[in-house]
Protein backbone atom coordinates (compact mmCIF):
# COMPACT_ATOMS: atom_id res chain seq x y z
CA MET A 1 -10.08 -29.47 -9.62
CA ASN A 2 -10.62 -26.90 -12.58
CA ILE A 3 -7.44 -25.25 -12.73
CA ALA A 4 -9.16 -22.40 -14.77
CA ILE A 5 -11.94 -21.87 -12.31
CA ALA A 6 -9.47 -21.81 -9.37
CA VAL A 7 -7.41 -19.15 -10.88
CA CYS A 8 -10.67 -16.87 -11.98
CA THR A 9 -12.10 -17.31 -8.40
CA CYS A 10 -8.90 -15.90 -6.42
CA ALA A 11 -7.95 -13.60 -9.05
CA LEU A 12 -11.59 -12.27 -8.87
CA MET A 13 -12.29 -12.40 -5.01
CA GLY A 14 -8.87 -10.92 -4.69
CA TYR A 15 -9.18 -7.94 -6.79
CA LEU A 16 -12.76 -7.39 -5.50
CA ILE A 17 -11.95 -7.53 -1.87
CA GLY A 18 -8.69 -5.64 -2.37
CA SER A 19 -10.65 -2.78 -4.02
CA ILE A 20 -12.55 -2.15 -0.73
CA ASN A 21 -10.47 1.14 0.07
CA LEU A 22 -11.35 2.62 3.75
CA SER A 23 -9.24 5.50 3.56
CA TYR A 24 -11.40 6.69 0.66
CA LEU A 25 -15.00 5.65 2.03
CA LEU A 26 -14.12 7.55 5.14
CA SER A 27 -13.02 10.71 3.38
CA LYS A 28 -16.30 10.61 1.11
CA LYS A 29 -18.12 10.06 4.39
CA LYS A 30 -16.73 13.47 5.76
CA GLY A 31 -17.27 15.24 2.54
CA TYR A 32 -14.04 15.13 0.22
CA ASP A 33 -12.09 12.87 -1.75
CA ILE A 34 -8.70 11.87 0.12
CA ARG A 35 -7.26 11.72 -3.36
CA GLU A 36 -7.34 15.50 -3.77
CA HIS A 37 -5.77 16.40 -0.54
CA GLY A 38 -2.60 15.95 1.51
CA SER A 39 -0.17 13.68 -0.68
CA GLY A 40 -3.15 12.55 -3.04
CA ASN A 41 -2.76 8.73 -1.96
CA ALA A 42 -5.68 6.79 -0.97
CA GLY A 43 -3.98 5.03 1.61
CA ALA A 44 -3.29 4.71 5.43
CA SER A 45 -0.15 7.13 5.33
CA ASN A 46 -2.37 9.91 3.77
CA VAL A 47 -4.91 9.29 6.37
CA VAL A 48 -2.28 9.88 8.84
CA ILE A 49 -1.94 13.51 7.66
CA LEU A 50 -5.73 14.38 7.07
CA MET A 51 -7.25 12.41 9.88
CA GLY A 52 -4.54 11.69 12.61
CA LYS A 53 -2.56 8.66 13.66
CA LYS A 54 -5.43 6.67 15.24
CA VAL A 55 -7.29 6.70 12.22
CA GLY A 56 -4.46 5.93 10.07
CA ALA A 57 -3.83 2.91 12.28
CA VAL A 58 -7.07 1.57 11.86
CA VAL A 59 -7.09 2.10 8.28
CA ALA A 60 -3.72 0.26 7.90
CA ILE A 61 -4.88 -2.72 9.93
CA ALA A 62 -7.68 -2.99 7.80
CA ASP A 63 -5.24 -3.04 4.56
CA ILE A 64 -3.22 -5.70 6.13
CA LEU A 65 -6.44 -7.83 7.31
CA LYS A 66 -8.34 -7.85 4.04
CA ALA A 67 -5.09 -8.99 2.19
CA PHE A 68 -4.24 -11.54 4.76
CA PHE A 69 -7.96 -13.15 4.89
CA VAL A 70 -7.99 -13.38 1.02
CA VAL A 71 -4.81 -15.03 0.96
CA ARG A 72 -5.57 -17.64 3.42
CA ILE A 73 -9.43 -18.12 2.07
CA ALA A 74 -7.74 -19.10 -1.34
CA MET A 75 -5.73 -21.68 0.63
CA TYR A 76 -8.62 -22.89 2.38
CA LEU A 77 -10.56 -23.19 -1.09
CA TYR A 78 -7.77 -24.79 -2.91
CA PRO A 79 -5.43 -26.30 -0.94
CA GLU A 80 -4.21 -28.67 -3.69
CA PHE A 81 -3.24 -25.68 -5.79
CA PRO A 82 -0.05 -24.14 -4.82
CA TYR A 83 -0.84 -21.38 -6.80
CA ALA A 84 -3.98 -20.25 -5.39
CA PRO A 85 -2.66 -18.06 -2.48
CA VAL A 86 -0.13 -16.51 -4.79
CA ILE A 87 -2.68 -15.50 -7.45
CA ALA A 88 -4.99 -13.96 -4.36
CA ALA A 89 -2.37 -12.23 -2.95
CA THR A 90 -1.18 -10.70 -6.39
CA ALA A 91 -5.08 -9.67 -7.17
CA VAL A 92 -5.49 -8.14 -3.77
CA ILE A 93 -2.85 -5.68 -4.06
CA LEU A 94 -3.98 -4.87 -7.83
CA GLY A 95 -7.42 -4.27 -6.38
CA HIS A 96 -6.07 -2.11 -3.89
CA ILE A 97 -4.02 -0.13 -6.66
CA PHE A 98 -6.77 0.02 -9.19
CA PRO A 99 -10.32 -0.01 -7.80
CA PHE A 100 -12.68 0.03 -10.44
CA TYR A 101 -15.09 2.33 -8.66
CA MET A 102 -12.22 4.80 -7.77
CA GLY A 103 -11.62 5.38 -11.77
CA PHE A 104 -8.67 2.71 -11.01
CA ARG A 105 -6.66 5.14 -9.03
CA GLY A 106 -6.41 4.00 -5.70
CA GLY A 107 -3.58 3.27 -2.93
CA LYS A 108 0.10 2.29 -3.37
CA GLY A 109 0.05 -1.13 -2.38
CA LEU A 110 2.12 -1.30 0.96
CA ALA A 111 -0.22 -2.30 3.64
CA THR A 112 -1.82 -5.11 1.12
CA LEU A 113 1.71 -6.22 0.59
CA GLY A 114 2.40 -6.60 4.06
CA GLY A 115 -1.05 -8.69 4.83
CA SER A 116 -0.35 -10.95 1.67
CA ILE A 117 3.31 -11.56 3.10
CA LEU A 118 2.10 -12.35 6.60
CA ALA A 119 -0.53 -14.76 5.35
CA LEU A 120 2.10 -16.59 3.05
CA ASP A 121 5.03 -16.46 5.52
CA TYR A 122 4.90 -14.78 8.89
CA ARG A 123 8.85 -15.47 9.16
CA LEU A 124 9.17 -13.82 6.06
CA PHE A 125 6.93 -11.15 7.03
CA LEU A 126 8.48 -10.24 10.39
CA ILE A 127 12.03 -10.00 8.96
CA LEU A 128 10.71 -7.69 5.83
CA LEU A 129 8.83 -5.68 8.62
CA LEU A 130 12.15 -4.99 10.47
CA PHE A 131 13.73 -4.37 7.30
CA ALA A 132 11.21 -1.84 6.08
CA LEU A 133 11.45 -0.01 9.55
CA PHE A 134 15.41 0.13 9.30
CA ILE A 135 14.98 1.42 5.68
CA ALA A 136 12.46 4.22 6.86
CA PHE A 137 14.40 5.34 9.93
CA VAL A 138 17.66 5.56 7.98
CA THR A 139 16.21 7.39 4.92
CA ASP A 140 13.62 9.29 6.74
CA TYR A 141 11.32 8.35 3.86
CA ILE A 142 8.62 5.85 4.02
CA CYS A 143 8.16 5.13 0.38
CA PHE A 144 11.53 3.10 0.36
CA ALA A 145 9.87 0.30 2.54
CA PRO A 146 7.40 -0.63 0.07
CA ILE A 147 9.57 -0.17 -3.21
CA THR A 148 12.35 -2.25 -1.79
CA CYS A 149 10.23 -5.07 0.00
CA SER A 150 7.85 -5.51 -3.32
CA VAL A 151 11.12 -6.06 -4.80
CA LEU A 152 12.84 -8.55 -2.63
CA PHE A 153 9.74 -10.42 -1.28
CA PRO A 154 8.92 -12.25 -4.68
CA VAL A 155 12.88 -13.30 -5.33
CA ILE A 156 13.01 -14.42 -1.79
CA TYR A 157 9.68 -16.34 -1.35
CA GLY A 158 10.21 -17.78 -4.80
CA VAL A 159 13.60 -19.22 -3.78
CA VAL A 160 12.31 -20.26 -0.02
CA GLN A 161 9.39 -22.07 -2.15
CA LYS A 162 11.84 -23.59 -4.69
CA ASN A 163 9.57 -22.17 -7.38
CA LEU A 164 10.49 -19.44 -9.34
CA ARG A 165 6.89 -19.20 -11.11
CA PHE A 166 5.78 -17.85 -7.64
CA THR A 167 8.50 -15.12 -8.32
CA ALA A 168 7.13 -14.44 -11.47
CA ILE A 169 3.24 -14.16 -10.54
CA LEU A 170 4.23 -11.96 -7.47
CA SER A 171 6.69 -9.56 -9.48
CA ILE A 172 3.02 -8.52 -11.53
CA SER A 173 2.25 -6.53 -8.15
CA THR A 174 5.91 -5.21 -7.80
CA ILE A 175 5.69 -3.53 -11.27
CA PHE A 176 2.47 -1.57 -10.32
CA ILE A 177 3.81 -0.80 -6.73
CA LEU A 178 7.11 0.53 -8.38
CA TYR A 179 4.95 2.64 -10.76
CA ARG A 180 2.94 3.96 -8.03
CA HIS A 181 5.81 5.37 -6.12
CA ILE A 182 7.34 7.33 -9.15
CA GLY A 183 5.78 10.36 -7.89
CA ASN A 184 7.04 9.86 -4.40
CA LEU A 185 10.78 9.58 -5.77
CA LYS A 186 10.22 13.00 -7.84
CA ARG A 187 9.15 14.64 -4.65
CA ILE A 188 12.02 13.29 -2.63
CA ARG A 189 14.17 14.93 -5.57
CA SER A 190 12.38 18.27 -5.58
CA GLY A 191 12.57 18.10 -1.50
CA LYS A 192 8.83 17.92 -1.15
CA GLU A 193 8.22 14.66 -0.02
CA LEU A 194 6.72 13.70 3.54
CA ARG A 195 9.43 12.34 5.78
CA PHE A 196 8.98 9.38 7.89
CA SER A 197 9.77 11.62 11.05
CA PHE A 198 6.51 13.27 10.49
CA LEU A 199 4.74 11.09 13.12
CA TRP A 200 6.69 12.61 15.76
CA ASN A 201 7.87 15.74 14.52
CA ARG A 202 4.86 17.19 12.64
CA LYS A 203 5.31 20.65 13.03
CA ALA A 204 9.22 20.57 11.87
CA GLU A 205 7.79 18.94 8.68
CA ALA A 206 4.87 21.51 8.15
CA GLU A 207 7.30 24.38 8.45
CA ARG A 208 9.84 22.72 6.28
CA LEU A 209 7.38 22.01 3.38
CA GLY A 210 5.97 25.49 4.09
CA VAL A 211 2.39 24.63 4.90
CA GLU A 212 0.61 25.62 8.21
CA ASP A 213 -0.14 23.23 10.56
CA ASP A 214 -3.08 25.33 12.30
CA ASP A 215 -5.17 22.66 13.93
CA GLY A 216 -2.90 19.62 14.86
CA VAL A 217 -4.87 17.22 12.34
CA ASN A 218 -5.37 18.60 8.81
CA TYR A 219 -3.21 20.61 6.44
CA PRO A 220 -5.07 23.34 4.42
CA PHE A 221 -3.88 22.67 1.09
CA SER A 222 -4.89 20.45 -1.82
CA TYR A 223 -2.97 17.98 -4.16
CA ASP A 224 -2.78 18.69 -7.73
CA GLU A 225 -2.83 15.61 -9.35
CA LYS A 226 -2.82 16.87 -12.97
CA ASN A 227 0.08 19.55 -12.77
CA LYS A 228 1.60 18.69 -9.30
CA GLN A 229 1.89 22.12 -8.36
CA GLY A 230 1.89 23.40 -4.82
CA HIS A 231 2.60 21.51 -1.56
CA ASN A 232 2.95 18.00 -2.86
CA ILE A 233 3.95 16.18 -0.17
């Protein structure tokens, strides 16, 4: 086995498949760019805001599965190379966050992180899923789930596998997941971040943020990425 070829194959495969962003493709089909509306994120949470819970669930599942299958394919292709799935996991998350055809401005990596964890260790996935839900309910902000899990997972996985190089590789994606959530933390501080309870208390959230939820699905406001003015949730 040529290690250099294995590394390049896993990294390229992960990045290219990770770059397939269903939320963006669906929004373009409807005639707009999802990154210019709602929360400005090209991910499942913003699809819930703009297209409804069912479509959001489909997008979340698609993002989880693309990461899951990329990691499993890497395992299948290079069973004798223990770093193959870890490299693929990191690459698929980075592909989702920085898709080349979207100007390197994609999603925030929560679902792809989840799919990667599921493929690497389903028991750890279940534990972190429960932890993420607990964090989301307690804080009422979903962004704390990827922030905490992206930090915990590389450390725990490296310790469990007794290989801290795994931790180092997976931590590359952690850095960029944290970077992509800086805006969420700023909006929490200013009181403009969408709360987790939006899923079952949409009208109250619309009133709190000062937006009008006329049709029950789409918020009539845009996300100004440049100066972050207006209702940025």
